[in-house]
Amino acid sequence: MSQPNTVLPTTLPAPTFCKVAYDMGENSAYAAAARGDIPTIKIGGLVRVPVRVALAKMAGGDPEILKAVTADFAAKLDQFMAEQAA
């Protein structure tokens, strides 16, 4: 399990966020972003997901659920990044 005060990146590329949060592929991630299913910001040609905003949306405003979702996401992100580095 992750630490209680988990440090998450401010934003992630849409495909990375969607892979970790929903186990979605790249095309599905961009389609979800285009539909507005996930919150995104566009910087130049990049589609980024503000991580904390997206996690708060997933939690539906419940602070306890947000805490659990954040910890779960952080653990999955750590695992994903370790796999990508290998």
PDB file of N, CA and C in Angstrom:
ATOM      1  N   MET A   1       0.844  -1.184   0.000  1.00  0.00           N
ATOM      2  CA  MET A   1       0.000   0.000   0.000  1.00  0.00           C
ATOM      3  C   MET A   1       0.881   1.237   0.000  1.00  0.00           C
ATOM      4  N   SER A   2       0.366   2.323  -0.503  1.00  0.00           N
ATOM      5  CA  SER A   2       1.152   3.539  -0.592  1.00  0.00           C
ATOM      6  C   SER A   2       1.100   4.323   0.710  1.00  0.00           C
ATOM      7  N   GLN A   3       1.943   5.333   0.782  1.00  0.00           N
ATOM      8  CA  GLN A   3       2.013   6.183   1.956  1.00  0.00           C
ATOM      9  C   GLN A   3       0.759   7.053   2.061  1.00  0.00           C
ATOM     10  N   PRO A   4       0.354   7.454   3.276  1.00  0.00           N
ATOM     11  CA  PRO A   4      -0.836   8.278   3.435  1.00  0.00           C
ATOM     12  C   PRO A   4      -0.759   9.606   2.680  1.00  0.00           C
ATOM     13  N   ASN A   5       0.406  10.245   2.635  1.00  0.00           N
ATOM     14  CA  ASN A   5       0.574  11.511   1.929  1.00  0.00           C
ATOM     15  C   ASN A   5       1.251  11.255   0.582  1.00  0.00           C
ATOM     16  N   THR A   6       0.546  10.595  -0.277  1.00  0.00           N
ATOM     17  CA  THR A   6       1.077  10.205  -1.564  1.00  0.00           C
ATOM     18  C   THR A   6       1.310  11.425  -2.440  1.00  0.00           C
ATOM     19  N   VAL A   7       2.478  11.464  -3.071  1.00  0.00           N
ATOM     20  CA  VAL A   7       2.790  12.535  -4.005  1.00  0.00           C
ATOM     21  C   VAL A   7       2.498  12.005  -5.401  1.00  0.00           C
ATOM     22  N   LEU A   8       1.532  12.613  -6.048  1.00  0.00           N
ATOM     23  CA  LEU A   8       1.166  12.233  -7.403  1.00  0.00           C
ATOM     24  C   LEU A   8       1.614  13.323  -8.366  1.00  0.00           C
ATOM     25  N   PRO A   9       1.864  12.964  -9.619  1.00  0.00           N
ATOM     26  CA  PRO A   9       2.179  14.003 -10.583  1.00  0.00           C
ATOM     27  C   PRO A   9       0.966  14.913 -10.779  1.00  0.00           C
ATOM     28  N   THR A  10       1.217  16.158 -11.127  1.00  0.00           N
ATOM     29  CA  THR A  10       0.131  17.105 -11.339  1.00  0.00           C
ATOM     30  C   THR A  10      -0.731  16.677 -12.513  1.00  0.00           C
ATOM     31  N   THR A  11      -0.090  16.288 -13.607  1.00  0.00           N
ATOM     32  CA  THR A  11      -0.810  15.793 -14.775  1.00  0.00           C
ATOM     33  C   THR A  11      -0.119  14.550 -15.305  1.00  0.00           C
ATOM     34  N   LEU A  12      -0.881  13.784 -16.072  1.00  0.00           N
ATOM     35  CA  LEU A  12      -0.343  12.628 -16.779  1.00  0.00           C
ATOM     36  C   LEU A  12      -0.902  12.640 -18.195  1.00  0.00           C
ATOM     37  N   PRO A  13      -0.187  12.036 -19.139  1.00  0.00           N
ATOM     38  CA  PRO A  13      -0.778  11.883 -20.465  1.00  0.00           C
ATOM     39  C   PRO A  13      -2.078  11.069 -20.358  1.00  0.00           C
ATOM     40  N   ALA A  14      -3.055  11.410 -21.163  1.00  0.00           N
ATOM     41  CA  ALA A  14      -4.350  10.718 -21.106  1.00  0.00           C
ATOM     42  C   ALA A  14      -4.206   9.194 -21.203  1.00  0.00           C
ATOM     43  N   PRO A  15      -3.386   8.672 -22.127  1.00  0.00           N
ATOM     44  CA  PRO A  15      -3.270   7.207 -22.196  1.00  0.00           C
ATOM     45  C   PRO A  15      -2.696   6.582 -20.927  1.00  0.00           C
ATOM     46  N   THR A  16      -1.745   7.261 -20.299  1.00  0.00           N
ATOM     47  CA  THR A  16      -1.159   6.727 -19.061  1.00  0.00           C
ATOM     48  C   THR A  16      -2.185   6.721 -17.942  1.00  0.00           C
ATOM     49  N   PHE A  17      -2.892   7.844 -17.761  1.00  0.00           N
ATOM     50  CA  PHE A  17      -3.906   7.900 -16.709  1.00  0.00           C
ATOM     51  C   PHE A  17      -4.959   6.826 -16.924  1.00  0.00           C
ATOM     52  N   CYS A  18      -5.456   6.712 -18.138  1.00  0.00           N
ATOM     53  CA  CYS A  18      -6.527   5.751 -18.421  1.00  0.00           C
ATOM     54  C   CYS A  18      -6.067   4.306 -18.290  1.00  0.00           C
ATOM     55  N   LYS A  19      -4.815   4.023 -18.650  1.00  0.00           N
ATOM     56  CA  LYS A  19      -4.279   2.669 -18.487  1.00  0.00           C
ATOM     57  C   LYS A  19      -4.240   2.295 -17.015  1.00  0.00           C
ATOM     58  N   VAL A  20      -3.749   3.207 -16.184  1.00  0.00           N
ATOM     59  CA  VAL A  20      -3.615   2.931 -14.754  1.00  0.00           C
ATOM     60  C   VAL A  20      -4.984   2.897 -14.064  1.00  0.00           C
ATOM     61  N   ALA A  21      -5.830   3.875 -14.361  1.00  0.00           N
ATOM     62  CA  ALA A  21      -7.114   3.989 -13.660  1.00  0.00           C
ATOM     63  C   ALA A  21      -8.160   3.008 -14.162  1.00  0.00           C
ATOM     64  N   TYR A  22      -8.193   2.777 -15.490  1.00  0.00           N
ATOM     65  CA  TYR A  22      -9.290   2.006 -16.074  1.00  0.00           C
ATOM     66  C   TYR A  22      -8.842   0.818 -16.924  1.00  0.00           C
ATOM     67  N   ASP A  23      -7.538   0.598 -17.058  1.00  0.00           N
ATOM     68  CA  ASP A  23      -6.980  -0.450 -17.911  1.00  0.00           C
ATOM     69  C   ASP A  23      -7.467  -0.294 -19.349  1.00  0.00           C
ATOM     70  N   MET A  24      -7.451   0.944 -19.829  1.00  0.00           N
ATOM     71  CA  MET A  24      -7.878   1.263 -21.182  1.00  0.00           C
ATOM     72  C   MET A  24      -6.669   1.418 -22.096  1.00  0.00           C
ATOM     73  N   GLY A  25      -6.871   1.147 -23.364  1.00  0.00           N
ATOM     74  CA  GLY A  25      -5.833   1.351 -24.355  1.00  0.00           C
ATOM     75  C   GLY A  25      -5.754   2.805 -24.787  1.00  0.00           C
ATOM     76  N   GLU A  26      -4.768   3.092 -25.628  1.00  0.00           N
ATOM     77  CA  GLU A  26      -4.509   4.463 -26.051  1.00  0.00           C
ATOM     78  C   GLU A  26      -5.682   5.058 -26.838  1.00  0.00           C
ATOM     79  N   ASN A  27      -6.211   4.320 -27.818  1.00  0.00           N
ATOM     80  CA  ASN A  27      -7.319   4.843 -28.618  1.00  0.00           C
ATOM     81  C   ASN A  27      -8.550   5.113 -27.761  1.00  0.00           C
ATOM     82  N   SER A  28      -8.858   4.202 -26.855  1.00  0.00           N
ATOM     83  CA  SER A  28     -10.006   4.386 -25.963  1.00  0.00           C
ATOM     84  C   SER A  28      -9.801   5.582 -25.040  1.00  0.00           C
ATOM     85  N   ALA A  29      -8.564   5.793 -24.617  1.00  0.00           N
ATOM     86  CA  ALA A  29      -8.262   6.931 -23.739  1.00  0.00           C
ATOM     87  C   ALA A  29      -8.513   8.249 -24.451  1.00  0.00           C
ATOM     88  N   TYR A  30      -8.035   8.363 -25.683  1.00  0.00           N
ATOM     89  CA  TYR A  30      -8.260   9.597 -26.437  1.00  0.00           C
ATOM     90  C   TYR A  30      -9.740   9.788 -26.772  1.00  0.00           C
ATOM     91  N   ALA A  31     -10.452   8.705 -27.029  1.00  0.00           N
ATOM     92  CA  ALA A  31     -11.893   8.803 -27.292  1.00  0.00           C
ATOM     93  C   ALA A  31     -12.626   9.270 -26.040  1.00  0.00           C
ATOM     94  N   ALA A  32     -12.261   8.741 -24.872  1.00  0.00           N
ATOM     95  CA  ALA A  32     -12.880   9.160 -23.603  1.00  0.00           C
ATOM     96  C   ALA A  32     -12.584  10.633 -23.333  1.00  0.00           C
ATOM     97  N   ALA A  33     -11.380  11.061 -23.639  1.00  0.00           N
ATOM     98  CA  ALA A  33     -11.011  12.473 -23.458  1.00  0.00           C
ATOM     99  C   ALA A  33     -11.835  13.355 -24.387  1.00  0.00           C
ATOM    100  N   ALA A  34     -11.983  12.935 -25.636  1.00  0.00           N
ATOM    101  CA  ALA A  34     -12.748  13.726 -26.607  1.00  0.00           C
ATOM    102  C   ALA A  34     -14.222  13.836 -26.209  1.00  0.00           C
ATOM    103  N   ARG A  35     -14.767  12.773 -25.606  1.00  0.00           N
ATOM    104  CA  ARG A  35     -16.169  12.794 -25.161  1.00  0.00           C
ATOM    105  C   ARG A  35     -16.357  13.588 -23.873  1.00  0.00           C
ATOM    106  N   GLY A  36     -15.262  13.870 -23.177  1.00  0.00           N
ATOM    107  CA  GLY A  36     -15.367  14.568 -21.903  1.00  0.00           C
ATOM    108  C   GLY A  36     -15.591  13.639 -20.722  1.00  0.00           C
ATOM    109  N   ASP A  37     -15.379  12.346 -20.928  1.00  0.00           N
ATOM    110  CA  ASP A  37     -15.557  11.377 -19.840  1.00  0.00           C
ATOM    111  C   ASP A  37     -14.503  11.539 -18.751  1.00  0.00           C
ATOM    112  N   ILE A  38     -13.338  12.015 -19.138  1.00  0.00           N
ATOM    113  CA  ILE A  38     -12.281  12.297 -18.169  1.00  0.00           C
ATOM    114  C   ILE A  38     -11.897  13.762 -18.318  1.00  0.00           C
ATOM    115  N   PRO A  39     -11.564  14.434 -17.217  1.00  0.00           N
ATOM    116  CA  PRO A  39     -11.152  15.834 -17.322  1.00  0.00           C
ATOM    117  C   PRO A  39      -9.773  15.915 -17.977  1.00  0.00           C
ATOM    118  N   THR A  40      -9.627  16.833 -18.907  1.00  0.00           N
ATOM    119  CA  THR A  40      -8.343  16.988 -19.587  1.00  0.00           C
ATOM    120  C   THR A  40      -8.017  18.459 -19.767  1.00  0.00           C
ATOM    121  N   ILE A  41      -6.747  18.701 -19.987  1.00  0.00           N
ATOM    122  CA  ILE A  41      -6.273  20.005 -20.435  1.00  0.00           C
ATOM    123  C   ILE A  41      -5.410  19.743 -21.654  1.00  0.00           C
ATOM    124  N   LYS A  42      -5.395  20.685 -22.557  1.00  0.00           N
ATOM    125  CA  LYS A  42      -4.577  20.540 -23.756  1.00  0.00           C
ATOM    126  C   LYS A  42      -3.454  21.558 -23.705  1.00  0.00           C
ATOM    127  N   ILE A  43      -2.250  21.068 -23.899  1.00  0.00           N
ATOM    128  CA  ILE A  43      -1.062  21.910 -23.932  1.00  0.00           C
ATOM    129  C   ILE A  43      -0.394  21.626 -25.267  1.00  0.00           C
ATOM    130  N   GLY A  44      -0.527  22.586 -26.184  1.00  0.00           N
ATOM    131  CA  GLY A  44      -0.054  22.334 -27.537  1.00  0.00           C
ATOM    132  C   GLY A  44      -0.850  21.173 -28.112  1.00  0.00           C
ATOM    133  N   GLY A  45      -0.165  20.148 -28.563  1.00  0.00           N
ATOM    134  CA  GLY A  45      -0.837  18.966 -29.083  1.00  0.00           C
ATOM    135  C   GLY A  45      -1.011  17.867 -28.051  1.00  0.00           C
ATOM    136  N   LEU A  46      -0.611  18.126 -26.810  1.00  0.00           N
ATOM    137  CA  LEU A  46      -0.687  17.104 -25.763  1.00  0.00           C
ATOM    138  C   LEU A  46      -2.035  17.146 -25.056  1.00  0.00           C
ATOM    139  N   VAL A  47      -2.578  15.974 -24.780  1.00  0.00           N
ATOM    140  CA  VAL A  47      -3.803  15.867 -23.996  1.00  0.00           C
ATOM    141  C   VAL A  47      -3.396  15.305 -22.641  1.00  0.00           C
ATOM    142  N   ARG A  48      -3.507  16.135 -21.601  1.00  0.00           N
ATOM    143  CA  ARG A  48      -3.080  15.757 -20.255  1.00  0.00           C
ATOM    144  C   ARG A  48      -4.283  15.664 -19.321  1.00  0.00           C
ATOM    145  N   VAL A  49      -4.184  14.806 -18.334  1.00  0.00           N
ATOM    146  CA  VAL A  49      -5.237  14.648 -17.326  1.00  0.00           C
ATOM    147  C   VAL A  49      -4.726  15.232 -16.013  1.00  0.00           C
ATOM    148  N   PRO A  50      -5.438  16.229 -15.441  1.00  0.00           N
ATOM    149  CA  PRO A  50      -5.072  16.700 -14.107  1.00  0.00           C
ATOM    150  C   PRO A  50      -5.467  15.595 -13.108  1.00  0.00           C
ATOM    151  N   VAL A  51      -4.476  14.955 -12.548  1.00  0.00           N
ATOM    152  CA  VAL A  51      -4.673  13.719 -11.791  1.00  0.00           C
ATOM    153  C   VAL A  51      -5.631  13.893 -10.618  1.00  0.00           C
ATOM    154  N   ARG A  52      -5.401  14.871  -9.780  1.00  0.00           N
ATOM    155  CA  ARG A  52      -6.256  15.022  -8.595  1.00  0.00           C
ATOM    156  C   ARG A  52      -7.697  15.365  -8.951  1.00  0.00           C
ATOM    157  N   VAL A  53      -7.885  16.145 -10.005  1.00  0.00           N
ATOM    158  CA  VAL A  53      -9.239  16.475 -10.455  1.00  0.00           C
ATOM    159  C   VAL A  53      -9.952  15.213 -10.935  1.00  0.00           C
ATOM    160  N   ALA A  54      -9.244  14.401 -11.724  1.00  0.00           N
ATOM    161  CA  ALA A  54      -9.835  13.171 -12.245  1.00  0.00           C
ATOM    162  C   ALA A  54     -10.156  12.183 -11.127  1.00  0.00           C
ATOM    163  N   LEU A  55      -9.262  12.076 -10.153  1.00  0.00           N
ATOM    164  CA  LEU A  55      -9.515  11.171  -9.031  1.00  0.00           C
ATOM    165  C   LEU A  55     -10.697  11.658  -8.193  1.00  0.00           C
ATOM    166  N   ALA A  56     -10.805  12.968  -8.001  1.00  0.00           N
ATOM    167  CA  ALA A  56     -11.940  13.522  -7.257  1.00  0.00           C
ATOM    168  C   ALA A  56     -13.246  13.235  -7.984  1.00  0.00           C
ATOM    169  N   LYS A  57     -13.224  13.318  -9.312  1.00  0.00           N
ATOM    170  CA  LYS A  57     -14.422  12.999 -10.091  1.00  0.00           C
ATOM    171  C   LYS A  57     -14.790  11.531  -9.911  1.00  0.00           C
ATOM    172  N   MET A  58     -13.782  10.665  -9.919  1.00  0.00           N
ATOM    173  CA  MET A  58     -14.029   9.232  -9.719  1.00  0.00           C
ATOM    174  C   MET A  58     -14.636   8.961  -8.349  1.00  0.00           C
ATOM    175  N   ALA A  59     -14.223   9.729  -7.343  1.00  0.00           N
ATOM    176  CA  ALA A  59     -14.686   9.516  -5.969  1.00  0.00           C
ATOM    177  C   ALA A  59     -16.073  10.089  -5.728  1.00  0.00           C
ATOM    178  N   GLY A  60     -16.560  10.897  -6.644  1.00  0.00           N
ATOM    179  CA  GLY A  60     -17.910  11.438  -6.498  1.00  0.00           C
ATOM    180  C   GLY A  60     -18.087  12.375  -5.321  1.00  0.00           C
ATOM    181  N   GLY A  61     -17.003  13.016  -4.883  1.00  0.00           N
ATOM    182  CA  GLY A  61     -17.108  13.990  -3.796  1.00  0.00           C
ATOM    183  C   GLY A  61     -17.009  13.415  -2.399  1.00  0.00           C
ATOM    184  N   ASP A  62     -16.878  12.112  -2.254  1.00  0.00           N
ATOM    185  CA  ASP A  62     -16.765  11.475  -0.936  1.00  0.00           C
ATOM    186  C   ASP A  62     -15.297  11.444  -0.510  1.00  0.00           C
ATOM    187  N   PRO A  63     -14.934  12.136   0.592  1.00  0.00           N
ATOM    188  CA  PRO A  63     -13.525  12.215   0.994  1.00  0.00           C
ATOM    189  C   PRO A  63     -12.896  10.865   1.334  1.00  0.00           C
ATOM    190  N   GLU A  64     -13.658   9.963   1.899  1.00  0.00           N
ATOM    191  CA  GLU A  64     -13.103   8.643   2.240  1.00  0.00           C
ATOM    192  C   GLU A  64     -12.840   7.831   0.985  1.00  0.00           C
ATOM    193  N   ILE A  65     -13.746   7.917   0.038  1.00  0.00           N
ATOM    194  CA  ILE A  65     -13.543   7.210  -1.223  1.00  0.00           C
ATOM    195  C   ILE A  65     -12.360   7.826  -1.967  1.00  0.00           C
ATOM    196  N   LEU A  66     -12.245   9.150  -1.941  1.00  0.00           N
ATOM    197  CA  LEU A  66     -11.115   9.826  -2.585  1.00  0.00           C
ATOM    198  C   LEU A  66      -9.796   9.349  -2.003  1.00  0.00           C
ATOM    199  N   LYS A  67      -9.749   9.201  -0.708  1.00  0.00           N
ATOM    200  CA  LYS A  67      -8.528   8.727  -0.045  1.00  0.00           C
ATOM    201  C   LYS A  67      -8.165   7.315  -0.536  1.00  0.00           C
ATOM    202  N   ALA A  68      -9.158   6.443  -0.615  1.00  0.00           N
ATOM    203  CA  ALA A  68      -8.920   5.072  -1.070  1.00  0.00           C
ATOM    204  C   ALA A  68      -8.548   5.031  -2.546  1.00  0.00           C
ATOM    205  N   VAL A  69      -9.256   5.812  -3.371  1.00  0.00           N
ATOM    206  CA  VAL A  69      -8.980   5.848  -4.802  1.00  0.00           C
ATOM    207  C   VAL A  69      -7.575   6.390  -5.054  1.00  0.00           C
ATOM    208  N   THR A  70      -7.183   7.402  -4.319  1.00  0.00           N
ATOM    209  CA  THR A  70      -5.851   7.992  -4.474  1.00  0.00           C
ATOM    210  C   THR A  70      -4.765   6.990  -4.116  1.00  0.00           C
ATOM    211  N   ALA A  71      -4.944   6.290  -3.013  1.00  0.00           N
ATOM    212  CA  ALA A  71      -3.947   5.299  -2.595  1.00  0.00           C
ATOM    213  C   ALA A  71      -3.851   4.168  -3.613  1.00  0.00           C
ATOM    214  N   ASP A  72      -4.991   3.707  -4.106  1.00  0.00           N
ATOM    215  CA  ASP A  72      -5.005   2.636  -5.095  1.00  0.00           C
ATOM    216  C   ASP A  72      -4.347   3.097  -6.397  1.00  0.00           C
ATOM    217  N   PHE A  73      -4.692   4.296  -6.839  1.00  0.00           N
ATOM    218  CA  PHE A  73      -4.115   4.829  -8.069  1.00  0.00           C
ATOM    219  C   PHE A  73      -2.600   4.989  -7.929  1.00  0.00           C
ATOM    220  N   ALA A  74      -2.147   5.512  -6.801  1.00  0.00           N
ATOM    221  CA  ALA A  74      -0.712   5.715  -6.583  1.00  0.00           C
ATOM    222  C   ALA A  74       0.045   4.386  -6.636  1.00  0.00           C
ATOM    223  N   ALA A  75      -0.513   3.361  -6.020  1.00  0.00           N
ATOM    224  CA  ALA A  75       0.137   2.046  -6.033  1.00  0.00           C
ATOM    225  C   ALA A  75       0.192   1.485  -7.459  1.00  0.00           C
ATOM    226  N   LYS A  76      -0.901   1.619  -8.188  1.00  0.00           N
ATOM    227  CA  LYS A  76      -0.932   1.129  -9.568  1.00  0.00           C
ATOM    228  C   LYS A  76       0.001   1.941 -10.464  1.00  0.00           C
ATOM    229  N   LEU A  77       0.080   3.248 -10.235  1.00  0.00           N
ATOM    230  CA  LEU A  77       0.976   4.089 -11.023  1.00  0.00           C
ATOM    231  C   LEU A  77       2.432   3.706 -10.759  1.00  0.00           C
ATOM    232  N   ASP A  78       2.784   3.483  -9.501  1.00  0.00           N
ATOM    233  CA  ASP A  78       4.149   3.053  -9.163  1.00  0.00           C
ATOM    234  C   ASP A  78       4.496   1.758  -9.885  1.00  0.00           C
ATOM    235  N   GLN A  79       3.559   0.807  -9.876  1.00  0.00           N
ATOM    236  CA  GLN A  79       3.784  -0.478 -10.542  1.00  0.00           C
ATOM    237  C   GLN A  79       3.917  -0.284 -12.053  1.00  0.00           C
ATOM    238  N   PHE A  80       3.046   0.530 -12.636  1.00  0.00           N
ATOM    239  CA  PHE A  80       3.092   0.807 -14.072  1.00  0.00           C
ATOM    240  C   PHE A  80       4.432   1.429 -14.460  1.00  0.00           C
ATOM    241  N   MET A  81       4.868   2.423 -13.699  1.00  0.00           N
ATOM    242  CA  MET A  81       6.134   3.100 -14.002  1.00  0.00           C
ATOM    243  C   MET A  81       7.322   2.141 -13.868  1.00  0.00           C
ATOM    244  N   ALA A  82       7.282   1.276 -12.875  1.00  0.00           N
ATOM    245  CA  ALA A  82       8.354   0.283 -12.710  1.00  0.00           C
ATOM    246  C   ALA A  82       8.395  -0.677 -13.898  1.00  0.00           C
ATOM    247  N   GLU A  83       7.221  -1.080 -14.380  1.00  0.00           N
ATOM    248  CA  GLU A  83       7.162  -1.974 -15.537  1.00  0.00           C
ATOM    249  C   GLU A  83       7.677  -1.270 -16.789  1.00  0.00           C
ATOM    250  N   GLN A  84       7.369   0.003 -16.944  1.00  0.00           N
ATOM    251  CA  GLN A  84       7.820   0.763 -18.106  1.00  0.00           C
ATOM    252  C   GLN A  84       9.341   0.950 -18.094  1.00  0.00           C
ATOM    253  N   ALA A  85       9.918   1.066 -16.893  1.00  0.00           N
ATOM    254  CA  ALA A  85      11.356   1.273 -16.755  1.00  0.00           C
ATOM    255  C   ALA A  85      12.140  -0.021 -17.012  1.00  0.00           C
ATOM    256  N   ALA A  86      11.484  -1.152 -16.813  1.00  0.00           N
ATOM    257  CA  ALA A  86      12.173  -2.439 -16.964  1.00  0.00           C
ATOM    258  C   ALA A  86      12.380  -2.838 -18.417  1.00  0.00           C
TER     259      ALA A  86
END
